[in-house]
PDB file of N, CA and C in Angstrom:
ATOM      1  N   MET A   1      11.177  10.755   2.912  1.00  0.00           N
ATOM      2  CA  MET A   1      11.582   9.397   2.650  1.00  0.00           C
ATOM      3  C   MET A   1      12.286   9.371   1.297  1.00  0.00           C
ATOM      4  N   GLU A   2      13.571   9.331   1.354  1.00  0.00           N
ATOM      5  CA  GLU A   2      14.394   9.517   0.170  1.00  0.00           C
ATOM      6  C   GLU A   2      14.184   8.450  -0.895  1.00  0.00           C
ATOM      7  N   VAL A   3      13.931   7.212  -0.497  1.00  0.00           N
ATOM      8  CA  VAL A   3      13.780   6.135  -1.477  1.00  0.00           C
ATOM      9  C   VAL A   3      12.605   6.390  -2.421  1.00  0.00           C
ATOM     10  N   PHE A   4      11.596   7.123  -1.963  1.00  0.00           N
ATOM     11  CA  PHE A   4      10.422   7.401  -2.787  1.00  0.00           C
ATOM     12  C   PHE A   4      10.467   8.787  -3.437  1.00  0.00           C
ATOM     13  N   ALA A   5      11.516   9.547  -3.225  1.00  0.00           N
ATOM     14  CA  ALA A   5      11.568  10.947  -3.664  1.00  0.00           C
ATOM     15  C   ALA A   5      11.336  11.105  -5.166  1.00  0.00           C
ATOM     16  N   ASP A   6      12.012  10.332  -5.993  1.00  0.00           N
ATOM     17  CA  ASP A   6      11.848  10.469  -7.441  1.00  0.00           C
ATOM     18  C   ASP A   6      10.440  10.081  -7.872  1.00  0.00           C
ATOM     19  N   TYR A   7       9.899   9.024  -7.284  1.00  0.00           N
ATOM     20  CA  TYR A   7       8.536   8.613  -7.618  1.00  0.00           C
ATOM     21  C   TYR A   7       7.555   9.740  -7.283  1.00  0.00           C
ATOM     22  N   LEU A   8       7.693  10.295  -6.093  1.00  0.00           N
ATOM     23  CA  LEU A   8       6.780  11.348  -5.653  1.00  0.00           C
ATOM     24  C   LEU A   8       6.909  12.603  -6.517  1.00  0.00           C
ATOM     25  N   LYS A   9       8.110  12.926  -6.938  1.00  0.00           N
ATOM     26  CA  LYS A   9       8.309  14.084  -7.825  1.00  0.00           C
ATOM     27  C   LYS A   9       7.540  13.922  -9.130  1.00  0.00           C
ATOM     28  N   GLY A  10       7.328  12.688  -9.539  1.00  0.00           N
ATOM     29  CA  GLY A  10       6.622  12.409 -10.776  1.00  0.00           C
ATOM     30  C   GLY A  10       5.112  12.559 -10.686  1.00  0.00           C
ATOM     31  N   ILE A  11       4.597  12.801  -9.511  1.00  0.00           N
ATOM     32  CA  ILE A  11       3.154  13.017  -9.339  1.00  0.00           C
ATOM     33  C   ILE A  11       2.897  14.506  -9.483  1.00  0.00           C
ATOM     34  N   ASP A  12       2.245  14.887 -10.567  1.00  0.00           N
ATOM     35  CA  ASP A  12       2.060  16.305 -10.892  1.00  0.00           C
ATOM     36  C   ASP A  12       1.181  17.053  -9.900  1.00  0.00           C
ATOM     37  N   ASN A  13       0.124  16.430  -9.449  1.00  0.00           N
ATOM     38  CA  ASN A  13      -0.808  17.104  -8.548  1.00  0.00           C
ATOM     39  C   ASN A  13      -0.207  17.157  -7.141  1.00  0.00           C
ATOM     40  N   PRO A  14       0.018  18.355  -6.607  1.00  0.00           N
ATOM     41  CA  PRO A  14       0.653  18.459  -5.280  1.00  0.00           C
ATOM     42  C   PRO A  14      -0.200  17.865  -4.150  1.00  0.00           C
ATOM     43  N   ASP A  15      -1.520  17.890  -4.296  1.00  0.00           N
ATOM     44  CA  ASP A  15      -2.379  17.281  -3.271  1.00  0.00           C
ATOM     45  C   ASP A  15      -2.247  15.763  -3.275  1.00  0.00           C
ATOM     46  N   HIS A  16      -2.169  15.182  -4.456  1.00  0.00           N
ATOM     47  CA  HIS A  16      -1.994  13.729  -4.563  1.00  0.00           C
ATOM     48  C   HIS A  16      -0.630  13.318  -4.007  1.00  0.00           C
ATOM     49  N   ARG A  17       0.383  14.097  -4.347  1.00  0.00           N
ATOM     50  CA  ARG A  17       1.734  13.829  -3.842  1.00  0.00           C
ATOM     51  C   ARG A  17       1.747  13.890  -2.315  1.00  0.00           C
ATOM     52  N   ALA A  18       1.113  14.919  -1.761  1.00  0.00           N
ATOM     53  CA  ALA A  18       1.081  15.086  -0.306  1.00  0.00           C
ATOM     54  C   ALA A  18       0.330  13.933   0.356  1.00  0.00           C
ATOM     55  N   ARG A  19      -0.737  13.456  -0.273  1.00  0.00           N
ATOM     56  CA  ARG A  19      -1.507  12.333   0.279  1.00  0.00           C
ATOM     57  C   ARG A  19      -0.642  11.089   0.347  1.00  0.00           C
ATOM     58  N   MET A  20       0.096  10.807  -0.709  1.00  0.00           N
ATOM     59  CA  MET A  20       0.963   9.622  -0.702  1.00  0.00           C
ATOM     60  C   MET A  20       2.096   9.784   0.314  1.00  0.00           C
ATOM     61  N   GLU A  21       2.686  10.974   0.388  1.00  0.00           N
ATOM     62  CA  GLU A  21       3.739  11.214   1.381  1.00  0.00           C
ATOM     63  C   GLU A  21       3.205  10.965   2.788  1.00  0.00           C
ATOM     64  N   GLU A  22       1.989  11.423   3.044  1.00  0.00           N
ATOM     65  CA  GLU A  22       1.370  11.242   4.364  1.00  0.00           C
ATOM     66  C   GLU A  22       1.192   9.761   4.685  1.00  0.00           C
ATOM     67  N   ILE A  23       0.721   8.995   3.722  1.00  0.00           N
ATOM     68  CA  ILE A  23       0.515   7.559   3.936  1.00  0.00           C
ATOM     69  C   ILE A  23       1.849   6.853   4.149  1.00  0.00           C
ATOM     70  N   PHE A  24       2.842   7.182   3.338  1.00  0.00           N
ATOM     71  CA  PHE A  24       4.154   6.556   3.504  1.00  0.00           C
ATOM     72  C   PHE A  24       4.753   6.883   4.869  1.00  0.00           C
ATOM     73  N   ALA A  25       4.628   8.124   5.304  1.00  0.00           N
ATOM     74  CA  ALA A  25       5.142   8.520   6.620  1.00  0.00           C
ATOM     75  C   ALA A  25       4.408   7.771   7.725  1.00  0.00           C
ATOM     76  N   TRP A  26       3.113   7.603   7.564  1.00  0.00           N
ATOM     77  CA  TRP A  26       2.320   6.861   8.562  1.00  0.00           C
ATOM     78  C   TRP A  26       2.817   5.415   8.649  1.00  0.00           C
ATOM     79  N   ILE A  27       3.046   4.791   7.486  1.00  0.00           N
ATOM     80  CA  ILE A  27       3.514   3.397   7.489  1.00  0.00           C
ATOM     81  C   ILE A  27       4.879   3.295   8.164  1.00  0.00           C
ATOM     82  N   VAL A  28       5.781   4.192   7.839  1.00  0.00           N
ATOM     83  CA  VAL A  28       7.118   4.170   8.449  1.00  0.00           C
ATOM     84  C   VAL A  28       7.020   4.339   9.965  1.00  0.00           C
ATOM     85  N   GLY A  29       6.138   5.218  10.412  1.00  0.00           N
ATOM     86  CA  GLY A  29       5.972   5.421  11.844  1.00  0.00           C
ATOM     87  C   GLY A  29       5.301   4.256  12.548  1.00  0.00           C
ATOM     88  N   LYS A  30       4.330   3.649  11.898  1.00  0.00           N
ATOM     89  CA  LYS A  30       3.552   2.558  12.498  1.00  0.00           C
ATOM     90  C   LYS A  30       4.267   1.214  12.385  1.00  0.00           C
ATOM     91  N   PHE A  31       5.005   1.032  11.293  1.00  0.00           N
ATOM     92  CA  PHE A  31       5.679  -0.246  11.028  1.00  0.00           C
ATOM     93  C   PHE A  31       7.153   0.013  10.693  1.00  0.00           C
ATOM     94  N   PRO A  32       7.938   0.424  11.680  1.00  0.00           N
ATOM     95  CA  PRO A  32       9.333   0.805  11.408  1.00  0.00           C
ATOM     96  C   PRO A  32      10.213  -0.338  10.906  1.00  0.00           C
ATOM     97  N   ASN A  33       9.782  -1.576  11.067  1.00  0.00           N
ATOM     98  CA  ASN A  33      10.588  -2.701  10.595  1.00  0.00           C
ATOM     99  C   ASN A  33      10.422  -2.971   9.102  1.00  0.00           C
ATOM    100  N   LEU A  34       9.411  -2.370   8.483  1.00  0.00           N
ATOM    101  CA  LEU A  34       9.224  -2.569   7.051  1.00  0.00           C
ATOM    102  C   LEU A  34      10.243  -1.755   6.264  1.00  0.00           C
ATOM    103  N   LYS A  35      10.686  -2.317   5.155  1.00  0.00           N
ATOM    104  CA  LYS A  35      11.684  -1.647   4.322  1.00  0.00           C
ATOM    105  C   LYS A  35      10.995  -1.011   3.112  1.00  0.00           C
ATOM    106  N   PRO A  36      11.104   0.315   2.967  1.00  0.00           N
ATOM    107  CA  PRO A  36      10.562   0.967   1.770  1.00  0.00           C
ATOM    108  C   PRO A  36      11.489   0.726   0.583  1.00  0.00           C
ATOM    109  N   LYS A  37      10.889   0.475  -0.586  1.00  0.00           N
ATOM    110  CA  LYS A  37      11.698   0.280  -1.785  1.00  0.00           C
ATOM    111  C   LYS A  37      10.860   0.575  -3.018  1.00  0.00           C
ATOM    112  N   ILE A  38      11.540   0.827  -4.114  1.00  0.00           N
ATOM    113  CA  ILE A  38      10.894   0.978  -5.415  1.00  0.00           C
ATOM    114  C   ILE A  38      11.202  -0.293  -6.212  1.00  0.00           C
ATOM    115  N   ALA A  39      10.161  -0.920  -6.728  1.00  0.00           N
ATOM    116  CA  ALA A  39      10.313  -2.074  -7.613  1.00  0.00           C
ATOM    117  C   ALA A  39       9.182  -2.006  -8.630  1.00  0.00           C
ATOM    118  N   TRP A  40       9.482  -2.374  -9.858  1.00  0.00           N
ATOM    119  CA  TRP A  40       8.489  -2.261 -10.930  1.00  0.00           C
ATOM    120  C   TRP A  40       7.928  -0.838 -11.005  1.00  0.00           C
ATOM    121  N   ASN A  41       8.788   0.134 -10.738  1.00  0.00           N
ATOM    122  CA  ASN A  41       8.440   1.563 -10.777  1.00  0.00           C
ATOM    123  C   ASN A  41       7.330   1.940  -9.805  1.00  0.00           C
ATOM    124  N   GLN A  42       7.182   1.182  -8.732  1.00  0.00           N
ATOM    125  CA  GLN A  42       6.156   1.478  -7.737  1.00  0.00           C
ATOM    126  C   GLN A  42       6.737   1.448  -6.333  1.00  0.00           C
ATOM    127  N   PRO A  43       6.254   2.360  -5.479  1.00  0.00           N
ATOM    128  CA  PRO A  43       6.675   2.309  -4.077  1.00  0.00           C
ATOM    129  C   PRO A  43       6.014   1.132  -3.369  1.00  0.00           C
ATOM    130  N   MET A  44       6.801   0.472  -2.559  1.00  0.00           N
ATOM    131  CA  MET A  44       6.273  -0.660  -1.799  1.00  0.00           C
ATOM    132  C   MET A  44       7.061  -0.822  -0.514  1.00  0.00           C
ATOM    133  N   PHE A  45       6.522  -1.667   0.344  1.00  0.00           N
ATOM    134  CA  PHE A  45       7.169  -1.977   1.614  1.00  0.00           C
ATOM    135  C   PHE A  45       7.322  -3.487   1.696  1.00  0.00           C
ATOM    136  N   THR A  46       8.490  -3.915   2.185  1.00  0.00           N
ATOM    137  CA  THR A  46       8.777  -5.340   2.307  1.00  0.00           C
ATOM    138  C   THR A  46       9.172  -5.671   3.747  1.00  0.00           C
ATOM    139  N   ASP A  47       9.120  -6.950   4.041  1.00  0.00           N
ATOM    140  CA  ASP A  47       9.539  -7.474   5.337  1.00  0.00           C
ATOM    141  C   ASP A  47      10.336  -8.739   5.043  1.00  0.00           C
ATOM    142  N   HIS A  48      11.531  -8.834   5.513  1.00  0.00           N
ATOM    143  CA  HIS A  48      12.466  -9.929   5.224  1.00  0.00           C
ATOM    144  C   HIS A  48      12.432 -10.316   3.740  1.00  0.00           C
ATOM    145  N   ASP A  49      12.501  -9.280   2.896  1.00  0.00           N
ATOM    146  CA  ASP A  49      12.545  -9.425   1.439  1.00  0.00           C
ATOM    147  C   ASP A  49      11.301 -10.067   0.831  1.00  0.00           C
ATOM    148  N   THR A  50      10.181  -9.992   1.528  1.00  0.00           N
ATOM    149  CA  THR A  50       8.917 -10.430   0.962  1.00  0.00           C
ATOM    150  C   THR A  50       7.968  -9.234   0.874  1.00  0.00           C
ATOM    151  N   PHE A  51       7.202  -9.185  -0.182  1.00  0.00           N
ATOM    152  CA  PHE A  51       6.278  -8.084  -0.441  1.00  0.00           C
ATOM    153  C   PHE A  51       5.199  -8.018   0.644  1.00  0.00           C
ATOM    154  N   ILE A  52       4.953  -6.800   1.141  1.00  0.00           N
ATOM    155  CA  ILE A  52       3.880  -6.596   2.114  1.00  0.00           C
ATOM    156  C   ILE A  52       2.766  -5.735   1.520  1.00  0.00           C
ATOM    157  N   ILE A  53       3.103  -4.585   0.958  1.00  0.00           N
ATOM    158  CA  ILE A  53       2.086  -3.716   0.369  1.00  0.00           C
ATOM    159  C   ILE A  53       2.751  -2.774  -0.631  1.00  0.00           C
ATOM    160  N   GLY A  54       2.010  -2.471  -1.703  1.00  0.00           N
ATOM    161  CA  GLY A  54       2.523  -1.570  -2.723  1.00  0.00           C
ATOM    162  C   GLY A  54       1.496  -0.511  -3.091  1.00  0.00           C
ATOM    163  N   PHE A  55       1.960   0.535  -3.761  1.00  0.00           N
ATOM    164  CA  PHE A  55       1.113   1.681  -4.096  1.00  0.00           C
ATOM    165  C   PHE A  55       1.417   2.165  -5.501  1.00  0.00           C
ATOM    166  N   SER A  56       0.430   2.802  -6.110  1.00  0.00           N
ATOM    167  CA  SER A  56       0.648   3.508  -7.367  1.00  0.00           C
ATOM    168  C   SER A  56      -0.373   4.629  -7.470  1.00  0.00           C
ATOM    169  N   ALA A  57      -0.019   5.626  -8.249  1.00  0.00           N
ATOM    170  CA  ALA A  57      -0.886   6.796  -8.405  1.00  0.00           C
ATOM    171  C   ALA A  57      -1.442   6.839  -9.821  1.00  0.00           C
ATOM    172  N   SER A  58      -2.724   7.134  -9.923  1.00  0.00           N
ATOM    173  CA  SER A  58      -3.333   7.386 -11.227  1.00  0.00           C
ATOM    174  C   SER A  58      -4.101   8.701 -11.128  1.00  0.00           C
ATOM    175  N   LYS A  59      -4.735   9.085 -12.190  1.00  0.00           N
ATOM    176  CA  LYS A  59      -5.407  10.381 -12.218  1.00  0.00           C
ATOM    177  C   LYS A  59      -6.539  10.485 -11.180  1.00  0.00           C
ATOM    178  N   GLN A  60      -7.333   9.445 -11.052  1.00  0.00           N
ATOM    179  CA  GLN A  60      -8.519   9.491 -10.187  1.00  0.00           C
ATOM    180  C   GLN A  60      -8.328   8.882  -8.804  1.00  0.00           C
ATOM    181  N   HIS A  61      -7.310   8.061  -8.643  1.00  0.00           N
ATOM    182  CA  HIS A  61      -7.166   7.346  -7.372  1.00  0.00           C
ATOM    183  C   HIS A  61      -5.726   6.904  -7.120  1.00  0.00           C
ATOM    184  N   MET A  62      -5.532   6.472  -5.894  1.00  0.00           N
ATOM    185  CA  MET A  62      -4.307   5.795  -5.507  1.00  0.00           C
ATOM    186  C   MET A  62      -4.655   4.314  -5.426  1.00  0.00           C
ATOM    187  N   ALA A  63      -3.829   3.476  -6.005  1.00  0.00           N
ATOM    188  CA  ALA A  63      -4.046   2.039  -5.919  1.00  0.00           C
ATOM    189  C   ALA A  63      -3.181   1.477  -4.794  1.00  0.00           C
ATOM    190  N   VAL A  64      -3.791   0.633  -3.986  1.00  0.00           N
ATOM    191  CA  VAL A  64      -3.108  -0.036  -2.889  1.00  0.00           C
ATOM    192  C   VAL A  64      -3.161  -1.530  -3.188  1.00  0.00           C
ATOM    193  N   ALA A  65      -2.021  -2.174  -3.193  1.00  0.00           N
ATOM    194  CA  ALA A  65      -1.941  -3.590  -3.542  1.00  0.00           C
ATOM    195  C   ALA A  65      -1.392  -4.407  -2.379  1.00  0.00           C
ATOM    196  N   PRO A  66      -2.276  -5.129  -1.691  1.00  0.00           N
ATOM    197  CA  PRO A  66      -1.815  -6.002  -0.607  1.00  0.00           C
ATOM    198  C   PRO A  66      -1.697  -7.471  -1.032  1.00  0.00           C
ATOM    199  N   GLU A  67      -1.623  -7.733  -2.327  1.00  0.00           N
ATOM    200  CA  GLU A  67      -1.665  -9.064  -2.936  1.00  0.00           C
ATOM    201  C   GLU A  67      -3.101  -9.600  -2.855  1.00  0.00           C
ATOM    202  N   LYS A  68      -3.376 -10.554  -3.715  1.00  0.00           N
ATOM    203  CA  LYS A  68      -4.729 -11.112  -3.825  1.00  0.00           C
ATOM    204  C   LYS A  68      -5.234 -11.669  -2.490  1.00  0.00           C
ATOM    205  N   ALA A  69      -4.352 -12.325  -1.737  1.00  0.00           N
ATOM    206  CA  ALA A  69      -4.764 -12.918  -0.460  1.00  0.00           C
ATOM    207  C   ALA A  69      -5.269 -11.852   0.512  1.00  0.00           C
ATOM    208  N   GLY A  70      -4.659 -10.687   0.504  1.00  0.00           N
ATOM    209  CA  GLY A  70      -5.102  -9.596   1.367  1.00  0.00           C
ATOM    210  C   GLY A  70      -6.455  -9.053   0.954  1.00  0.00           C
ATOM    211  N   ILE A  71      -6.699  -8.992  -0.352  1.00  0.00           N
ATOM    212  CA  ILE A  71      -7.993  -8.539  -0.860  1.00  0.00           C
ATOM    213  C   ILE A  71      -9.080  -9.541  -0.457  1.00  0.00           C
ATOM    214  N   VAL A  72      -8.805 -10.815  -0.663  1.00  0.00           N
ATOM    215  CA  VAL A  72      -9.784 -11.853  -0.318  1.00  0.00           C
ATOM    216  C   VAL A  72     -10.083 -11.807   1.177  1.00  0.00           C
ATOM    217  N   ARG A  73      -9.060 -11.748   1.976  1.00  0.00           N
ATOM    218  CA  ARG A  73      -9.219 -11.766   3.435  1.00  0.00           C
ATOM    219  C   ARG A  73     -10.007 -10.560   3.948  1.00  0.00           C
ATOM    220  N   LEU A  74      -9.796  -9.394   3.340  1.00  0.00           N
ATOM    221  CA  LEU A  74     -10.377  -8.160   3.867  1.00  0.00           C
ATOM    222  C   LEU A  74     -11.430  -7.537   2.945  1.00  0.00           C
ATOM    223  N   SER A  75     -11.998  -8.323   2.042  1.00  0.00           N
ATOM    224  CA  SER A  75     -12.930  -7.755   1.062  1.00  0.00           C
ATOM    225  C   SER A  75     -14.133  -7.069   1.701  1.00  0.00           C
ATOM    226  N   GLU A  76     -14.677  -7.617   2.758  1.00  0.00           N
ATOM    227  CA  GLU A  76     -15.810  -6.966   3.433  1.00  0.00           C
ATOM    228  C   GLU A  76     -15.395  -5.624   4.027  1.00  0.00           C
ATOM    229  N   ASP A  77     -14.224  -5.579   4.645  1.00  0.00           N
ATOM    230  CA  ASP A  77     -13.720  -4.328   5.217  1.00  0.00           C
ATOM    231  C   ASP A  77     -13.479  -3.287   4.119  1.00  0.00           C
ATOM    232  N   ILE A  78     -12.997  -3.748   2.983  1.00  0.00           N
ATOM    233  CA  ILE A  78     -12.736  -2.844   1.863  1.00  0.00           C
ATOM    234  C   ILE A  78     -14.044  -2.216   1.376  1.00  0.00           C
ATOM    235  N   VAL A  79     -15.063  -3.036   1.204  1.00  0.00           N
ATOM    236  CA  VAL A  79     -16.364  -2.543   0.761  1.00  0.00           C
ATOM    237  C   VAL A  79     -16.970  -1.610   1.810  1.00  0.00           C
ATOM    238  N   GLN A  80     -16.878  -1.986   3.087  1.00  0.00           N
ATOM    239  CA  GLN A  80     -17.414  -1.136   4.161  1.00  0.00           C
ATOM    240  C   GLN A  80     -16.711   0.218   4.206  1.00  0.00           C
ATOM    241  N   ALA A  81     -15.453   0.258   3.823  1.00  0.00           N
ATOM    242  CA  ALA A  81     -14.714   1.525   3.802  1.00  0.00           C
ATOM    243  C   ALA A  81     -15.121   2.394   2.610  1.00  0.00           C
ATOM    244  N   GLY A  82     -15.903   1.808   1.699  1.00  0.00           N
ATOM    245  CA  GLY A  82     -16.369   2.556   0.538  1.00  0.00           C
ATOM    246  C   GLY A  82     -15.415   2.552  -0.632  1.00  0.00           C
ATOM    247  N   TYR A  83     -14.488   1.597  -0.643  1.00  0.00           N
ATOM    248  CA  TYR A  83     -13.492   1.525  -1.704  1.00  0.00           C
ATOM    249  C   TYR A  83     -13.892   0.504  -2.759  1.00  0.00           C
ATOM    250  N   ASP A  84     -13.553   0.807  -3.985  1.00  0.00           N
ATOM    251  CA  ASP A  84     -13.686  -0.118  -5.102  1.00  0.00           C
ATOM    252  C   ASP A  84     -12.436  -0.989  -5.103  1.00  0.00           C
ATOM    253  N   HIS A  85     -12.568  -2.245  -5.533  1.00  0.00           N
ATOM    254  CA  HIS A  85     -11.381  -3.098  -5.609  1.00  0.00           C
ATOM    255  C   HIS A  85     -11.508  -4.118  -6.723  1.00  0.00           C
ATOM    256  N   THR A  86     -10.358  -4.619  -7.139  1.00  0.00           N
ATOM    257  CA  THR A  86     -10.268  -5.724  -8.079  1.00  0.00           C
ATOM    258  C   THR A  86      -9.693  -6.901  -7.303  1.00  0.00           C
ATOM    259  N   LYS A  87      -9.289  -7.956  -8.009  1.00  0.00           N
ATOM    260  CA  LYS A  87      -8.666  -9.098  -7.329  1.00  0.00           C
ATOM    261  C   LYS A  87      -7.289  -8.767  -6.777  1.00  0.00           C
ATOM    262  N   GLU A  88      -6.663  -7.707  -7.309  1.00  0.00           N
ATOM    263  CA  GLU A  88      -5.276  -7.412  -6.945  1.00  0.00           C
ATOM    264  C   GLU A  88      -5.049  -6.068  -6.262  1.00  0.00           C
ATOM    265  N   LEU A  89      -6.025  -5.142  -6.347  1.00  0.00           N
ATOM    266  CA  LEU A  89      -5.776  -3.823  -5.752  1.00  0.00           C
ATOM    267  C   LEU A  89      -7.051  -3.150  -5.265  1.00  0.00           C
ATOM    268  N   VAL A  90      -6.825  -2.182  -4.390  1.00  0.00           N
ATOM    269  CA  VAL A  90      -7.893  -1.357  -3.824  1.00  0.00           C
ATOM    270  C   VAL A  90      -7.693   0.057  -4.353  1.00  0.00           C
ATOM    271  N   ARG A  91      -8.784   0.694  -4.759  1.00  0.00           N
ATOM    272  CA  ARG A  91      -8.706   2.069  -5.258  1.00  0.00           C
ATOM    273  C   ARG A  91      -9.190   3.036  -4.185  1.00  0.00           C
ATOM    274  N   ILE A  92      -8.313   3.946  -3.786  1.00  0.00           N
ATOM    275  CA  ILE A  92      -8.674   5.002  -2.839  1.00  0.00           C
ATOM    276  C   ILE A  92      -8.725   6.297  -3.641  1.00  0.00           C
ATOM    277  N   ARG A  93      -9.923   6.829  -3.794  1.00  0.00           N
ATOM    278  CA  ARG A  93     -10.084   8.061  -4.575  1.00  0.00           C
ATOM    279  C   ARG A  93      -9.368   9.215  -3.880  1.00  0.00           C
ATOM    280  N   TRP A  94      -8.788  10.076  -4.694  1.00  0.00           N
ATOM    281  CA  TRP A  94      -8.071  11.230  -4.155  1.00  0.00           C
ATOM    282  C   TRP A  94      -8.992  12.144  -3.370  1.00  0.00           C
ATOM    283  N   ASP A  95     -10.267  12.210  -3.755  1.00  0.00           N
ATOM    284  CA  ASP A  95     -11.195  13.127  -3.081  1.00  0.00           C
ATOM    285  C   ASP A  95     -11.921  12.485  -1.902  1.00  0.00           C
ATOM    286  N   GLY A  96     -11.501  11.294  -1.498  1.00  0.00           N
ATOM    287  CA  GLY A  96     -12.120  10.616  -0.360  1.00  0.00           C
ATOM    288  C   GLY A  96     -11.132  10.407   0.773  1.00  0.00           C
ATOM    289  N   PRO A  97     -11.644   9.949   1.914  1.00  0.00           N
ATOM    290  CA  PRO A  97     -10.774   9.731   3.076  1.00  0.00           C
ATOM    291  C   PRO A  97      -9.922   8.465   2.944  1.00  0.00           C
ATOM    292  N   VAL A  98      -8.844   8.445   3.682  1.00  0.00           N
ATOM    293  CA  VAL A  98      -8.001   7.253   3.779  1.00  0.00           C
ATOM    294  C   VAL A  98      -8.394   6.533   5.068  1.00  0.00           C
ATOM    295  N   ASP A  99      -8.760   5.269   4.949  1.00  0.00           N
ATOM    296  CA  ASP A  99      -9.104   4.460   6.112  1.00  0.00           C
ATOM    297  C   ASP A  99      -7.812   3.811   6.632  1.00  0.00           C
ATOM    298  N   TYR A 100      -7.182   4.496   7.575  1.00  0.00           N
ATOM    299  CA  TYR A 100      -5.905   4.007   8.093  1.00  0.00           C
ATOM    300  C   TYR A 100      -6.054   2.695   8.853  1.00  0.00           C
ATOM    301  N   SER A 101      -7.202   2.482   9.472  1.00  0.00           N
ATOM    302  CA  SER A 101      -7.389   1.206  10.179  1.00  0.00           C
ATOM    303  C   SER A 101      -7.419   0.046   9.184  1.00  0.00           C
ATOM    304  N   LEU A 102      -7.964   0.273   7.995  1.00  0.00           N
ATOM    305  CA  LEU A 102      -7.958  -0.765   6.960  1.00  0.00           C
ATOM    306  C   LEU A 102      -6.533  -0.997   6.447  1.00  0.00           C
ATOM    307  N   LEU A 103      -5.787   0.065   6.196  1.00  0.00           N
ATOM    308  CA  LEU A 103      -4.388  -0.108   5.787  1.00  0.00           C
ATOM    309  C   LEU A 103      -3.611  -0.893   6.841  1.00  0.00           C
ATOM    310  N   GLU A 104      -3.860  -0.577   8.088  1.00  0.00           N
ATOM    311  CA  GLU A 104      -3.182  -1.293   9.172  1.00  0.00           C
ATOM    312  C   GLU A 104      -3.534  -2.778   9.143  1.00  0.00           C
ATOM    313  N   LYS A 105      -4.805  -3.108   8.928  1.00  0.00           N
ATOM    314  CA  LYS A 105      -5.221  -4.519   8.847  1.00  0.00           C
ATOM    315  C   LYS A 105      -4.543  -5.226   7.682  1.00  0.00           C
ATOM    316  N   MET A 106      -4.464  -4.544   6.530  1.00  0.00           N
ATOM    317  CA  MET A 106      -3.811  -5.147   5.363  1.00  0.00           C
ATOM    318  C   MET A 106      -2.353  -5.467   5.656  1.00  0.00           C
ATOM    319  N   ILE A 107      -1.673  -4.495   6.214  1.00  0.00           N
ATOM    320  CA  ILE A 107      -0.242  -4.657   6.495  1.00  0.00           C
ATOM    321  C   ILE A 107      -0.026  -5.718   7.562  1.00  0.00           C
ATOM    322  N   GLU A 108      -0.788  -5.648   8.646  1.00  0.00           N
ATOM    323  CA  GLU A 108      -0.637  -6.649   9.713  1.00  0.00           C
ATOM    324  C   GLU A 108      -0.933  -8.057   9.203  1.00  0.00           C
ATOM    325  N   TYR A 109      -1.979  -8.192   8.390  1.00  0.00           N
ATOM    326  CA  TYR A 109      -2.308  -9.507   7.841  1.00  0.00           C
ATOM    327  C   TYR A 109      -1.134 -10.052   7.035  1.00  0.00           C
ATOM    328  N   ASN A 110      -0.571  -9.235   6.151  1.00  0.00           N
ATOM    329  CA  ASN A 110       0.528  -9.717   5.322  1.00  0.00           C
ATOM    330  C   ASN A 110       1.782 -10.009   6.135  1.00  0.00           C
ATOM    331  N   ILE A 111       2.072  -9.196   7.119  1.00  0.00           N
ATOM    332  CA  ILE A 111       3.239  -9.465   7.963  1.00  0.00           C
ATOM    333  C   ILE A 111       3.080 -10.815   8.662  1.00  0.00           C
ATOM    334  N   GLU A 112       1.910 -11.048   9.239  1.00  0.00           N
ATOM    335  CA  GLU A 112       1.668 -12.307   9.955  1.00  0.00           C
ATOM    336  C   GLU A 112       1.586 -13.493   9.000  1.00  0.00           C
ATOM    337  N   ASP A 113       0.835 -13.340   7.911  1.00  0.00           N
ATOM    338  CA  ASP A 113       0.622 -14.450   6.989  1.00  0.00           C
ATOM    339  C   ASP A 113       1.900 -14.831   6.247  1.00  0.00           C
ATOM    340  N   LYS A 114       2.788 -13.870   6.038  1.00  0.00           N
ATOM    341  CA  LYS A 114       4.009 -14.133   5.287  1.00  0.00           C
ATOM    342  C   LYS A 114       5.247 -14.227   6.183  1.00  0.00           C
ATOM    343  N   ALA A 115       5.040 -14.421   7.466  1.00  0.00           N
ATOM    344  CA  ALA A 115       6.158 -14.481   8.412  1.00  0.00           C
ATOM    345  C   ALA A 115       7.189 -15.541   8.025  1.00  0.00           C
ATOM    346  N   ASP A 116       6.728 -16.657   7.491  1.00  0.00           N
ATOM    347  CA  ASP A 116       7.643 -17.733   7.104  1.00  0.00           C
ATOM    348  C   ASP A 116       7.841 -17.816   5.601  1.00  0.00           C
ATOM    349  N   CYS A 117       7.382 -16.811   4.882  1.00  0.00           N
ATOM    350  CA  CYS A 117       7.496 -16.805   3.427  1.00  0.00           C
ATOM    351  C   CYS A 117       8.943 -16.515   3.027  1.00  0.00           C
ATOM    352  N   SER A 118       9.469 -17.302   2.107  1.00  0.00           N
ATOM    353  CA  SER A 118      10.852 -17.102   1.666  1.00  0.00           C
ATOM    354  C   SER A 118      10.932 -16.559   0.241  1.00  0.00           C
ATOM    355  N   THR A 119       9.771 -16.199  -0.325  1.00  0.00           N
ATOM    356  CA  THR A 119       9.734 -15.640  -1.667  1.00  0.00           C
ATOM    357  C   THR A 119       9.159 -14.232  -1.614  1.00  0.00           C
ATOM    358  N   PHE A 120       9.361 -13.466  -2.677  1.00  0.00           N
ATOM    359  CA  PHE A 120       8.841 -12.106  -2.703  1.00  0.00           C
ATOM    360  C   PHE A 120       7.312 -12.103  -2.739  1.00  0.00           C
ATOM    361  N   TRP A 121       6.748 -12.871  -3.667  1.00  0.00           N
ATOM    362  CA  TRP A 121       5.289 -12.999  -3.783  1.00  0.00           C
ATOM    363  C   TRP A 121       4.857 -14.322  -3.169  1.00  0.00           C
ATOM    364  N   ARG A 122       3.606 -14.399  -2.764  1.00  0.00           N
ATOM    365  CA  ARG A 122       3.059 -15.687  -2.317  1.00  0.00           C
ATOM    366  C   ARG A 122       3.067 -16.655  -3.496  1.00  0.00           C
ATOM    367  N   LYS A 123       3.204 -17.911  -3.179  1.00  0.00           N
ATOM    368  CA  LYS A 123       3.151 -18.944  -4.238  1.00  0.00           C
ATOM    369  C   LYS A 123       1.760 -19.522  -4.314  1.00  0.00           C
TER     370      LYS A 123
END
């Protein structure tokens, strides 16, 4: 995925880089209508120019940002998956599994909830 190539090159740990590449490839395959882009130095996916989900890499985890509404809506699922979260992001530890069904719920929720959204972020 060329749009994320420079971002991914900046991840020093090859296992972390491979994990993010795998997730991005999964999203592209599962949600081909989403547009991958870099904004605010982070990889994200949009739908009709509205934010759907974003990612960032840190030393201990990958952060997944489905906006606050996605966290509120899916907080029980996030906790059941064993992930730590704040009001704005979910932390997926590099040494733990990726719950793809949870990622799918986050993305589907935002696509449906923001279907008529005309702004990048929710108001």
